[in-house]
Protein backbone atom coordinates (compact mmCIF):
# COMPACT_ATOMS: atom_id res chain seq x y z
CA MET A 1 -9.61 -193.73 -257.77
CA PHE A 2 -6.84 -191.50 -259.17
CA ASP A 3 -9.29 -189.83 -261.60
CA TYR A 4 -11.42 -189.10 -258.60
CA ILE A 5 -8.61 -187.51 -256.67
CA HIS A 6 -7.43 -185.40 -259.60
CA LYS A 7 -11.00 -184.21 -260.30
CA GLN A 8 -11.40 -183.18 -256.58
CA ILE A 9 -8.08 -181.36 -256.54
CA SER A 10 -8.85 -179.61 -259.88
CA ARG A 11 -12.26 -178.53 -258.64
CA GLN A 12 -10.79 -177.10 -255.41
CA MET A 13 -8.03 -175.21 -257.27
CA ASP A 14 -10.70 -174.00 -259.66
CA ALA A 15 -12.86 -172.83 -256.84
CA LEU A 16 -9.87 -171.11 -255.11
CA ARG A 17 -9.02 -169.17 -258.28
CA ARG A 18 -12.60 -168.20 -258.88
CA ARG A 19 -12.90 -166.88 -255.25
CA PHE A 20 -10.21 -164.41 -256.07
CA ALA A 21 -10.90 -163.55 -259.77
CA GLN A 22 -7.90 -165.72 -261.01
CA THR A 23 -9.20 -166.67 -264.51
CA GLU A 24 -7.55 -166.51 -268.01
CA GLY A 25 -7.96 -163.16 -269.74
CA LEU A 26 -7.74 -161.00 -266.67
CA PRO A 27 -4.63 -159.03 -265.66
CA PHE A 28 -2.51 -160.66 -262.94
CA SER A 29 -4.31 -163.87 -263.53
CA ASP A 30 -1.07 -165.93 -263.16
CA VAL A 31 -0.31 -164.65 -259.69
CA LEU A 32 -2.26 -167.72 -258.43
CA SER A 33 -2.09 -170.24 -261.37
CA ASP A 34 -2.97 -173.89 -261.13
CA GLU A 35 0.59 -174.81 -262.08
CA THR A 36 2.02 -172.53 -259.16
CA ILE A 37 -0.32 -174.08 -256.57
CA GLN A 38 0.23 -177.66 -257.70
CA ASN A 39 4.00 -177.34 -257.99
CA ILE A 40 4.40 -175.99 -254.54
CA ILE A 41 1.99 -178.75 -253.02
CA GLU A 42 3.88 -181.45 -254.71
CA GLU A 43 7.26 -179.90 -253.54
CA GLU A 44 6.14 -179.51 -249.92
CA VAL A 45 3.85 -182.45 -249.52
CA SER A 46 5.54 -185.55 -250.49
CA SER A 47 2.46 -187.77 -250.32
CA TYR A 48 -1.02 -187.98 -249.01
CA ARG A 49 -3.97 -190.26 -248.98
CA ASN A 50 -7.38 -189.66 -250.47
CA ARG A 51 -8.88 -187.89 -247.40
CA ILE A 52 -11.77 -185.62 -247.04
CA PHE A 53 -9.26 -182.88 -246.46
CA PRO A 54 -6.16 -183.06 -248.87
CA PRO A 55 -3.83 -180.10 -248.76
CA ILE A 56 -5.77 -177.94 -251.26
CA VAL A 57 -9.09 -178.55 -249.63
CA THR A 58 -7.53 -177.75 -246.11
CA LEU A 59 -5.85 -174.62 -247.30
CA CYS A 60 -9.21 -173.44 -249.06
CA ALA A 61 -11.08 -174.14 -245.79
CA PHE A 62 -8.41 -172.29 -243.69
CA LEU A 63 -8.50 -169.43 -246.14
CA SER A 64 -12.39 -169.33 -245.83
CA GLN A 65 -12.07 -169.52 -242.05
CA VAL A 66 -9.82 -166.42 -241.86
CA LEU A 67 -12.04 -164.44 -244.32
CA SER A 68 -15.08 -165.25 -242.39
CA SER A 69 -16.49 -163.06 -239.60
CA ASP A 70 -16.93 -166.47 -237.75
CA HIS A 71 -13.36 -167.84 -237.33
CA SER A 72 -14.45 -171.16 -235.77
CA CYS A 73 -13.27 -174.53 -237.21
CA GLN A 74 -16.92 -175.67 -236.94
CA ASN A 75 -18.00 -172.97 -239.48
CA ALA A 76 -15.18 -173.98 -241.87
CA VAL A 77 -16.23 -177.66 -241.68
CA ALA A 78 -19.86 -176.67 -242.16
CA LYS A 79 -18.93 -174.82 -245.46
CA VAL A 80 -16.98 -177.99 -246.83
CA LEU A 81 -19.95 -180.16 -245.84
CA ALA A 82 -22.39 -177.96 -247.72
CA GLU A 83 -20.04 -177.73 -250.82
CA ARG A 84 -19.68 -181.53 -250.99
CA VAL A 85 -23.42 -182.07 -250.79
CA ALA A 86 -23.93 -179.38 -253.55
CA GLN A 87 -21.37 -181.34 -255.72
CA GLY A 88 -23.26 -184.62 -255.27
CA GLU A 89 -20.53 -186.04 -252.97
CA PRO A 90 -21.16 -187.95 -249.85
CA PRO A 91 -21.33 -185.40 -246.97
CA CYS A 92 -18.39 -185.40 -244.62
CA SER A 93 -18.73 -185.51 -240.72
CA SER A 94 -19.68 -182.19 -239.04
CA ASN A 95 -17.13 -183.03 -236.50
CA THR A 96 -14.06 -180.85 -236.54
CA LYS A 97 -11.47 -183.44 -235.65
CA SER A 98 -10.55 -184.43 -239.25
CA TYR A 99 -10.18 -180.80 -240.37
CA CYS A 100 -8.10 -179.88 -237.31
CA ASN A 101 -5.78 -182.78 -237.97
CA ALA A 102 -5.45 -181.80 -241.56
CA ARG A 103 -4.53 -178.35 -240.55
CA LEU A 104 -1.75 -179.85 -238.27
CA ARG A 105 -0.48 -181.81 -241.27
CA LEU A 106 -0.51 -178.80 -243.77
CA PRO A 107 3.28 -177.79 -244.01
CA VAL A 108 3.76 -174.14 -242.90
CA ARG A 109 6.45 -173.91 -245.59
CA LEU A 110 3.68 -174.44 -248.24
CA VAL A 111 1.75 -171.43 -246.97
CA LYS A 112 4.84 -169.28 -246.73
CA ARG A 113 5.91 -170.14 -250.28
CA LEU A 114 2.33 -169.03 -251.66
CA VAL A 115 2.46 -165.88 -249.64
CA ARG A 116 6.04 -164.93 -251.03
CA GLU A 117 5.17 -166.05 -254.46
CA THR A 118 1.92 -164.07 -254.64
CA GLY A 119 3.61 -161.08 -253.17
CA ARG A 120 6.51 -161.34 -255.62
CA LEU A 121 4.54 -161.80 -258.78
CA LEU A 122 2.00 -159.05 -257.88
CA HIS A 123 4.91 -156.64 -257.02
CA LEU A 124 6.73 -157.52 -260.25
CA LYS A 125 3.68 -157.05 -262.52
CA SER A 126 2.88 -153.70 -260.97
CA GLU A 127 2.49 -150.88 -263.57
CA GLU A 128 5.35 -148.40 -264.04
CA GLY A 129 2.83 -145.58 -263.13
CA TRP A 130 2.28 -147.20 -259.72
CA LYS A 131 6.00 -146.85 -258.75
CA TRP A 132 7.71 -143.81 -257.20
CA LYS A 133 9.80 -142.05 -259.86
CA GLY A 134 10.01 -145.43 -261.56
CA ARG A 135 11.57 -147.15 -258.56
CA SER A 136 10.11 -149.82 -256.23
CA VAL A 137 9.58 -148.63 -252.72
CA MET A 138 9.42 -151.09 -249.87
CA LEU A 139 7.74 -150.32 -246.55
CA VAL A 140 9.17 -151.92 -243.37
CA ASP A 141 7.65 -151.94 -239.86
CA GLY A 142 6.77 -154.28 -237.14
CA THR A 143 3.74 -155.04 -235.12
CA THR A 144 2.48 -157.64 -232.58
CA VAL A 145 -0.42 -160.22 -232.27
CA SER A 146 -1.80 -161.72 -229.12
CA MET A 147 -2.80 -165.60 -228.83
CA PRO A 148 -4.36 -167.93 -226.31
CA ASP A 149 -2.69 -168.33 -222.94
CA THR A 150 -1.50 -172.01 -223.25
CA PRO A 151 1.67 -173.38 -221.88
CA GLU A 152 3.15 -174.13 -225.35
CA ASN A 153 2.43 -170.63 -226.65
CA GLN A 154 3.89 -169.01 -223.46
CA LYS A 155 7.07 -171.20 -223.79
CA THR A 156 7.69 -169.71 -227.40
CA TYR A 157 5.98 -166.40 -227.28
CA PRO A 158 6.23 -165.37 -223.59
CA GLN A 159 3.95 -162.67 -222.41
CA PRO A 160 5.48 -159.19 -221.50
CA GLU A 161 7.05 -158.82 -218.05
CA SER A 162 4.45 -156.11 -217.24
CA GLN A 163 1.73 -158.73 -217.20
CA LYS A 164 1.20 -160.71 -214.13
CA GLU A 165 1.62 -164.52 -214.54
CA GLY A 166 -1.59 -166.21 -215.17
CA VAL A 167 -3.56 -163.16 -216.39
CA GLY A 168 -1.46 -162.12 -219.32
CA PHE A 169 -1.33 -163.50 -223.05
CA PRO A 170 1.52 -164.58 -225.13
CA ILE A 171 2.58 -162.13 -227.79
CA ALA A 172 4.46 -162.61 -231.12
CA ARG A 173 6.38 -159.91 -232.89
CA ILE A 174 5.98 -159.49 -236.69
CA VAL A 175 8.28 -157.45 -239.07
CA ALA A 176 7.02 -157.16 -242.72
CA ILE A 177 8.26 -155.91 -245.97
CA ILE A 178 5.16 -154.42 -247.95
CA SER A 179 5.20 -153.09 -251.36
CA LEU A 180 4.19 -149.34 -251.55
CA SER A 181 2.96 -149.55 -255.11
CA CYS A 182 0.47 -152.53 -254.76
CA GLY A 183 0.20 -153.12 -250.99
CA ALA A 184 1.47 -156.82 -251.37
CA VAL A 185 3.28 -158.56 -248.44
CA LEU A 186 6.66 -159.71 -249.89
CA ASP A 187 7.95 -161.48 -246.73
CA VAL A 188 7.58 -161.38 -242.95
CA ALA A 189 9.67 -162.64 -240.00
CA ILE A 190 7.98 -163.85 -236.77
CA GLY A 191 9.52 -164.08 -233.27
CA PRO A 192 8.91 -163.71 -229.63
CA TYR A 193 8.11 -160.20 -228.26
CA LYS A 194 10.88 -160.43 -225.67
CA GLY A 195 14.30 -162.08 -225.27
CA LYS A 196 17.60 -161.92 -227.13
CA GLU A 197 17.55 -161.00 -230.77
CA THR A 198 13.86 -160.48 -230.74
CA GLY A 199 13.81 -156.84 -231.83
CA GLU A 200 12.59 -155.43 -235.12
CA HIS A 201 16.11 -155.09 -236.39
CA SER A 202 16.86 -158.79 -235.77
CA LEU A 203 13.74 -159.86 -237.46
CA LEU A 204 14.24 -157.66 -240.41
CA ARG A 205 17.86 -158.95 -240.89
CA GLN A 206 16.26 -162.48 -241.45
CA ILE A 207 14.24 -161.35 -244.55
CA LEU A 208 16.68 -158.92 -246.19
CA GLY A 209 17.05 -161.44 -248.89
CA SER A 210 13.56 -160.17 -250.18
CA ILE A 211 14.99 -156.80 -250.98
CA SER A 212 16.41 -156.39 -254.52
CA ALA A 213 19.02 -153.95 -255.94
CA GLY A 214 17.35 -150.70 -256.86
CA ASP A 215 14.67 -150.86 -254.19
CA ILE A 216 14.06 -147.97 -251.71
CA ILE A 217 13.38 -148.96 -248.10
CA LEU A 218 11.10 -146.72 -246.26
CA GLY A 219 10.78 -146.92 -242.58
CA ASP A 220 10.20 -144.87 -239.23
CA ARG A 221 13.09 -143.78 -236.95
CA TYR A 222 13.55 -147.11 -235.36
CA TYR A 223 15.33 -148.36 -238.48
CA CYS A 224 17.77 -145.49 -238.86
CA SER A 225 20.79 -147.48 -237.89
CA TYR A 226 24.30 -147.20 -239.35
CA PHE A 227 24.71 -150.90 -239.75
CA LEU A 228 21.26 -151.50 -241.34
CA ILE A 229 21.75 -148.65 -243.88
CA ALA A 230 25.24 -150.15 -244.66
CA MET A 231 23.62 -153.58 -245.23
CA LEU A 232 21.05 -152.07 -247.54
CA GLN A 233 23.73 -150.31 -249.53
CA ARG A 234 25.61 -153.66 -249.98
CA LEU A 235 22.38 -155.05 -251.33
CA GLY A 236 22.21 -152.11 -253.82
CA ALA A 237 19.11 -150.63 -252.13
CA ASP A 238 18.55 -147.06 -250.84
CA ALA A 239 17.08 -145.99 -247.49
CA VAL A 240 14.66 -143.32 -246.43
CA PHE A 241 14.14 -143.20 -242.58
CA GLN A 242 13.41 -140.62 -240.00
CA ILE A 243 16.44 -139.79 -237.97
CA HIS A 244 16.86 -141.72 -234.68
CA SER A 245 16.05 -139.74 -231.59
CA GLY A 246 19.53 -140.72 -230.30
CA ARG A 247 21.37 -139.04 -233.25
CA LYS A 248 21.42 -135.24 -233.41
CA SER A 249 21.58 -133.28 -236.68
CA ASP A 250 23.26 -129.77 -237.21
CA PHE A 251 22.50 -128.20 -240.55
CA ARG A 252 25.37 -125.83 -240.22
CA ARG A 253 27.85 -128.66 -240.90
CA GLY A 254 28.29 -130.79 -244.04
CA LYS A 255 27.81 -130.12 -247.64
CA ARG A 256 24.82 -127.66 -247.93
CA LEU A 257 22.34 -128.51 -250.69
CA GLY A 258 19.67 -125.90 -249.76
CA LYS A 259 17.82 -124.75 -246.74
CA ASN A 260 17.65 -127.60 -244.14
CA ASP A 261 19.13 -129.90 -246.72
CA HIS A 262 22.72 -131.20 -246.51
CA ILE A 263 25.07 -134.10 -246.88
CA VAL A 264 26.95 -135.39 -243.85
CA ILE A 265 29.62 -138.27 -243.16
CA TRP A 266 28.47 -140.80 -240.45
CA GLU A 267 31.34 -142.62 -238.84
CA LYS A 268 31.16 -146.29 -238.14
CA PRO A 269 30.42 -146.84 -234.32
CA LYS A 270 33.33 -147.94 -232.42
CA GLN A 271 31.43 -150.54 -230.42
CA ARG A 272 30.56 -153.75 -232.30
CA PRO A 273 26.88 -154.70 -231.77
CA ALA A 274 26.36 -158.12 -229.90
CA TRP A 275 24.64 -159.73 -232.91
CA MET A 276 27.49 -158.98 -235.23
CA ASN A 277 30.70 -161.06 -235.42
CA GLU A 278 34.20 -159.53 -235.65
CA SER A 279 34.59 -160.43 -239.24
CA MET A 280 31.25 -158.90 -240.38
CA TYR A 281 32.17 -155.69 -238.34
CA ARG A 282 35.38 -155.37 -240.14
CA GLN A 283 33.68 -155.62 -243.54
CA MET A 284 31.40 -152.81 -242.76
CA PRO A 285 32.42 -149.39 -244.24
CA ASP A 286 34.20 -146.98 -242.00
CA THR A 287 31.90 -144.15 -243.08
CA LEU A 288 28.53 -143.57 -244.72
CA THR A 289 27.55 -140.55 -246.86
CA ILE A 290 24.03 -139.55 -245.71
CA ARG A 291 21.68 -136.85 -246.79
CA GLU A 292 19.65 -135.10 -244.21
CA ILE A 293 16.68 -132.99 -244.75
CA LYS A 294 14.30 -131.15 -242.40
CA ILE A 295 10.60 -130.69 -243.36
CA ASN A 296 7.57 -130.28 -241.15
CA LYS A 297 9.78 -130.37 -238.14
CA LYS A 298 11.11 -133.83 -239.07
CA VAL A 299 14.61 -134.73 -239.96
CA ILE A 300 14.54 -137.29 -242.74
CA THR A 301 17.75 -139.28 -243.58
CA THR A 302 18.43 -140.99 -246.94
CA THR A 303 21.10 -142.32 -249.21
CA LEU A 304 19.32 -140.54 -252.12
CA LEU A 305 22.05 -137.83 -252.36
CA ASP A 306 21.40 -136.04 -255.72
CA PRO A 307 18.99 -133.13 -255.01
CA LYS A 308 18.38 -132.78 -258.68
CA GLU A 309 17.10 -136.39 -259.05
CA VAL A 310 15.19 -136.31 -255.82
CA THR A 311 14.18 -132.86 -254.27
CA LYS A 312 13.70 -132.15 -250.66
CA ASN A 313 9.90 -131.77 -251.07
CA GLU A 314 9.73 -135.02 -252.98
CA LEU A 315 11.47 -136.82 -250.09
CA GLY A 316 9.11 -135.22 -247.67
CA LYS A 317 6.15 -136.31 -249.56
CA LEU A 318 7.56 -139.86 -249.94
CA TYR A 319 8.10 -140.09 -246.11
CA THR A 320 4.38 -139.34 -245.55
CA LYS A 321 3.61 -142.60 -247.44
CA ARG A 322 5.28 -144.50 -244.59
CA TRP A 323 2.00 -144.43 -242.65
CA LEU A 324 0.49 -146.74 -245.28
CA ILE A 325 2.21 -149.74 -243.65
CA GLU A 326 0.35 -148.85 -240.42
CA VAL A 327 -2.99 -148.86 -242.38
CA ASP A 328 -1.92 -152.23 -243.96
CA PHE A 329 -1.40 -153.73 -240.58
CA ARG A 330 -4.81 -152.48 -239.50
CA PHE A 331 -6.36 -154.21 -242.53
CA ILE A 332 -4.67 -157.47 -241.56
CA LYS A 333 -5.21 -157.24 -237.87
CA THR A 334 -8.69 -155.53 -237.74
CA VAL A 335 -10.37 -156.23 -241.07
CA LEU A 336 -9.11 -159.73 -241.22
CA GLN A 337 -9.19 -160.17 -237.50
CA MET A 338 -5.54 -161.27 -237.02
CA ASP A 339 -5.03 -159.15 -233.89
CA VAL A 340 -5.98 -161.94 -231.51
CA LEU A 341 -5.23 -165.43 -232.97
CA SER A 342 -7.12 -168.57 -231.91
CA CYS A 343 -4.64 -171.49 -232.25
CA LYS A 344 -3.11 -173.05 -229.09
CA THR A 345 0.21 -174.17 -230.24
CA PRO A 346 3.21 -172.19 -231.62
CA ASP A 347 3.30 -174.23 -235.01
CA MET A 348 -0.36 -173.42 -235.57
CA VAL A 349 -0.08 -169.78 -234.57
CA CYS A 350 2.67 -169.53 -237.22
CA LYS A 351 0.44 -171.24 -239.81
CA GLU A 352 -2.59 -168.98 -238.91
CA ILE A 353 -0.55 -165.92 -239.35
CA TRP A 354 0.70 -166.96 -242.75
CA VAL A 355 -2.74 -167.93 -244.06
CA HIS A 356 -4.06 -164.52 -242.92
CA LEU A 357 -1.11 -163.07 -245.06
CA LEU A 358 -2.12 -165.27 -248.00
CA ALA A 359 -5.69 -164.08 -247.87
CA TYR A 360 -4.47 -160.46 -247.73
CA ASN A 361 -2.23 -160.92 -250.73
CA LEU A 362 -5.09 -162.43 -252.77
CA ILE A 363 -7.28 -159.67 -251.90
CA ARG A 364 -4.67 -157.11 -252.94
CA THR A 365 -4.43 -159.02 -256.20
CA VAL A 366 -8.13 -158.41 -256.98
CA MET A 367 -7.52 -154.68 -256.18
CA ALA A 368 -4.64 -154.59 -258.57
CA GLN A 369 -6.92 -156.13 -261.20
CA ALA A 370 -9.49 -153.43 -260.74
CA ALA A 371 -6.95 -150.73 -260.60
CA TYR A 372 -5.27 -151.99 -263.92
CA ARG A 373 -8.55 -152.08 -265.77
CA TYR A 374 -9.80 -148.69 -264.58
CA ASN A 375 -6.26 -146.93 -264.75
CA LEU A 376 -6.22 -146.28 -261.01
CA PRO A 377 -3.52 -146.49 -258.37
CA PRO A 378 -4.25 -149.59 -256.17
CA ARG A 379 -3.77 -147.65 -253.08
CA THR A 380 -6.70 -145.34 -253.97
CA LEU A 381 -9.21 -148.45 -253.68
CA SER A 382 -10.86 -149.60 -250.42
CA PHE A 383 -9.52 -152.75 -249.03
CA LYS A 384 -12.56 -153.38 -246.87
CA GLY A 385 -14.92 -152.68 -249.79
CA THR A 386 -13.06 -155.22 -251.93
CA LEU A 387 -13.39 -157.86 -249.25
CA GLN A 388 -17.12 -157.11 -249.00
CA GLN A 389 -17.62 -157.47 -252.69
CA LEU A 390 -15.77 -160.82 -252.76
CA ASN A 391 -17.75 -162.25 -250.06
CA ALA A 392 -20.90 -160.95 -251.89
CA PHE A 393 -19.82 -162.42 -255.24
CA LYS A 394 -18.36 -165.72 -253.83
CA GLY A 395 -21.49 -167.94 -254.28
CA THR A 396 -22.18 -166.53 -257.61
CA PHE A 397 -18.64 -167.22 -258.92
CA LEU A 398 -18.97 -170.89 -257.75
CA ARG A 399 -22.26 -171.44 -259.60
CA THR A 400 -21.47 -169.38 -262.81
CA ALA A 401 -20.64 -171.27 -266.12
CA LYS A 402 -16.98 -170.65 -267.33
CA THR A 403 -18.45 -168.93 -270.38
CA ARG A 404 -20.05 -166.19 -268.25
CA LEU A 405 -17.23 -165.85 -265.66
CA SER A 406 -15.49 -163.04 -267.50
CA ILE A 407 -18.71 -161.04 -267.52
CA MET A 408 -19.23 -161.64 -263.84
CA TYR A 409 -15.63 -160.64 -263.02
CA GLY A 410 -16.08 -157.49 -265.02
CA TYR A 411 -19.06 -156.45 -262.76
CA LEU A 412 -17.00 -157.32 -259.60
CA LEU A 413 -14.05 -155.21 -260.75
CA GLU A 414 -16.26 -152.20 -261.77
CA VAL A 415 -17.79 -152.29 -258.31
CA ILE A 416 -14.38 -152.49 -256.59
CA ALA A 417 -13.02 -149.62 -258.60
CA SER A 418 -15.95 -147.46 -257.53
CA HIS A 419 -15.08 -147.92 -253.79
CA ARG A 420 -12.39 -145.23 -253.53
CA VAL A 421 -10.50 -144.16 -250.27
CA GLY A 422 -11.20 -140.56 -249.53
CA ASN A 423 -8.41 -137.77 -249.82
CA ARG A 424 -7.08 -137.88 -246.30
CA SER A 425 -3.94 -135.80 -246.75
CA ARG A 426 -2.69 -134.11 -243.50
CA ARG A 427 -5.37 -135.99 -241.57
CA SER A 428 -4.95 -135.69 -237.79
CA GLU A 429 -6.92 -137.57 -235.27
CA PRO A 430 -6.40 -138.06 -231.45
CA ARG A 431 -5.19 -141.40 -230.47
CA ALA A 432 -8.09 -142.06 -227.99
CA VAL A 433 -11.16 -144.14 -228.06
CA LYS A 434 -14.66 -142.40 -227.40
CA ARG A 435 -16.68 -145.48 -226.64
CA ARG A 436 -16.36 -146.56 -222.98
CA ARG A 437 -15.84 -150.16 -221.92
CA LYS A 438 -18.64 -151.96 -220.03
CA PRO A 439 -17.89 -151.67 -216.10
CA TYR A 440 -16.77 -155.28 -215.65
CA PRO A 441 -13.55 -155.82 -213.33
CA LEU A 442 -10.51 -157.15 -214.89
CA LEU A 443 -9.23 -160.62 -213.91
CA THR A 444 -6.23 -159.98 -211.69
CA LYS A 445 -5.40 -163.61 -210.84
CA PRO A 446 -5.29 -166.93 -212.78
CA ARG A 447 -8.88 -168.02 -213.64
CA GLU A 448 -8.74 -171.34 -211.83
CA GLU A 449 -7.72 -169.34 -208.65
CA ALA A 450 -10.57 -166.99 -209.08
CA ARG A 451 -13.02 -170.04 -209.54
CA ASN A 452 -11.88 -171.58 -206.37
CA GLU A 453 -12.42 -168.32 -204.52
CA LEU A 454 -15.96 -168.20 -206.03
CA ARG A 455 -16.69 -171.70 -204.78
CA ARG A 456 -15.38 -170.68 -201.25
CA GLY A 457 -17.61 -167.55 -201.44
CA GLY A 458 -14.84 -165.03 -201.91
CA ALA A 459 -14.26 -162.28 -204.40
CA SER A 460 -14.32 -163.07 -208.05
CA ALA A 461 -11.32 -161.05 -209.36
């Protein structure tokens, strides 16, 4: 019995690693090693019976579900059933109940650790040439996702006040730290869209432990806060943010470094923020030494003070790369379809988000392999093109003998490296949609209330 269980687990781990080109002899092949997966499962799942859906099978099915254009549980179970039959095992039931229960049992900490570990290893193993002036740059920003309108989701992730009760949807806020060099998600914090301590600053403070000494944190004007910059400096990190709209800059003051380039002293705000206790407030520095530059009508603030080490133009070019985190969110929310979640309870919503992020990191790992082999920056490769190739090669990898796997992976990486992102510097597009919606009226009252009106012969909206 135990030999059978061990064989089943080994086969599933092998299938997962084959799916994402994680085989010996390839660069970054230890980002998702058998040992890493097994250790995390053993630490997070104390014991489990020999079910159709042990943790590794459940995780693989969940990953397959978020990577498929059909996100249904029925489709995920159908794939597991087909694989069992192909392996000569008894077919499982096509009913989704067992799989859904297995997803409930899957610890969210297990998926979190896999995301953080894959992101950490991928970032650490990034080539020096992928970094900015030899330093690691971390992108920070926030986004939101919607989910089904259930009482449980509404309680944890209440809908915005602008939406009428019964016709709105719960919304979760997500803040992420993403590596500029390789695009890997290092950590995220998830919280409600509204309520006390639910803003992007609050969520970012929860994951500051993922930032290391020597990192450069790159973010938009929302993050240009005295206390956040002070906290980053205490971690040994530097900051590059656009100046907050509430703070004015006067280049006639301070120490002049060049045209529209100077060093100024910021004084600690006299009012202590509500989230900060008195002891922490007293420990904050009384002043911060900040460099401000103005380029392309934007004022950029930074703790990189030496104009000889980092020129004004280099800072301006670095700030333009902040937009890449917006593109990364688009990949996760649009290409991987995380924009509107499907789970109906907060625990499963959280799990669904983390599984999407794990899938994203694994795709980024394959892109890093192709970039390394063909001496290209990972950011020049197409994310969607990589996903398309992985889906196309998936069946081939599972059927290919181990002796030929390296050859097949070579073909895969060559094709991925050929899908390059066009040079879109200084691209400017209107934030508007050309295609019109179909002329259906919007639901302006709870669905049950609208149904009752239809039964009585009244209006439908």
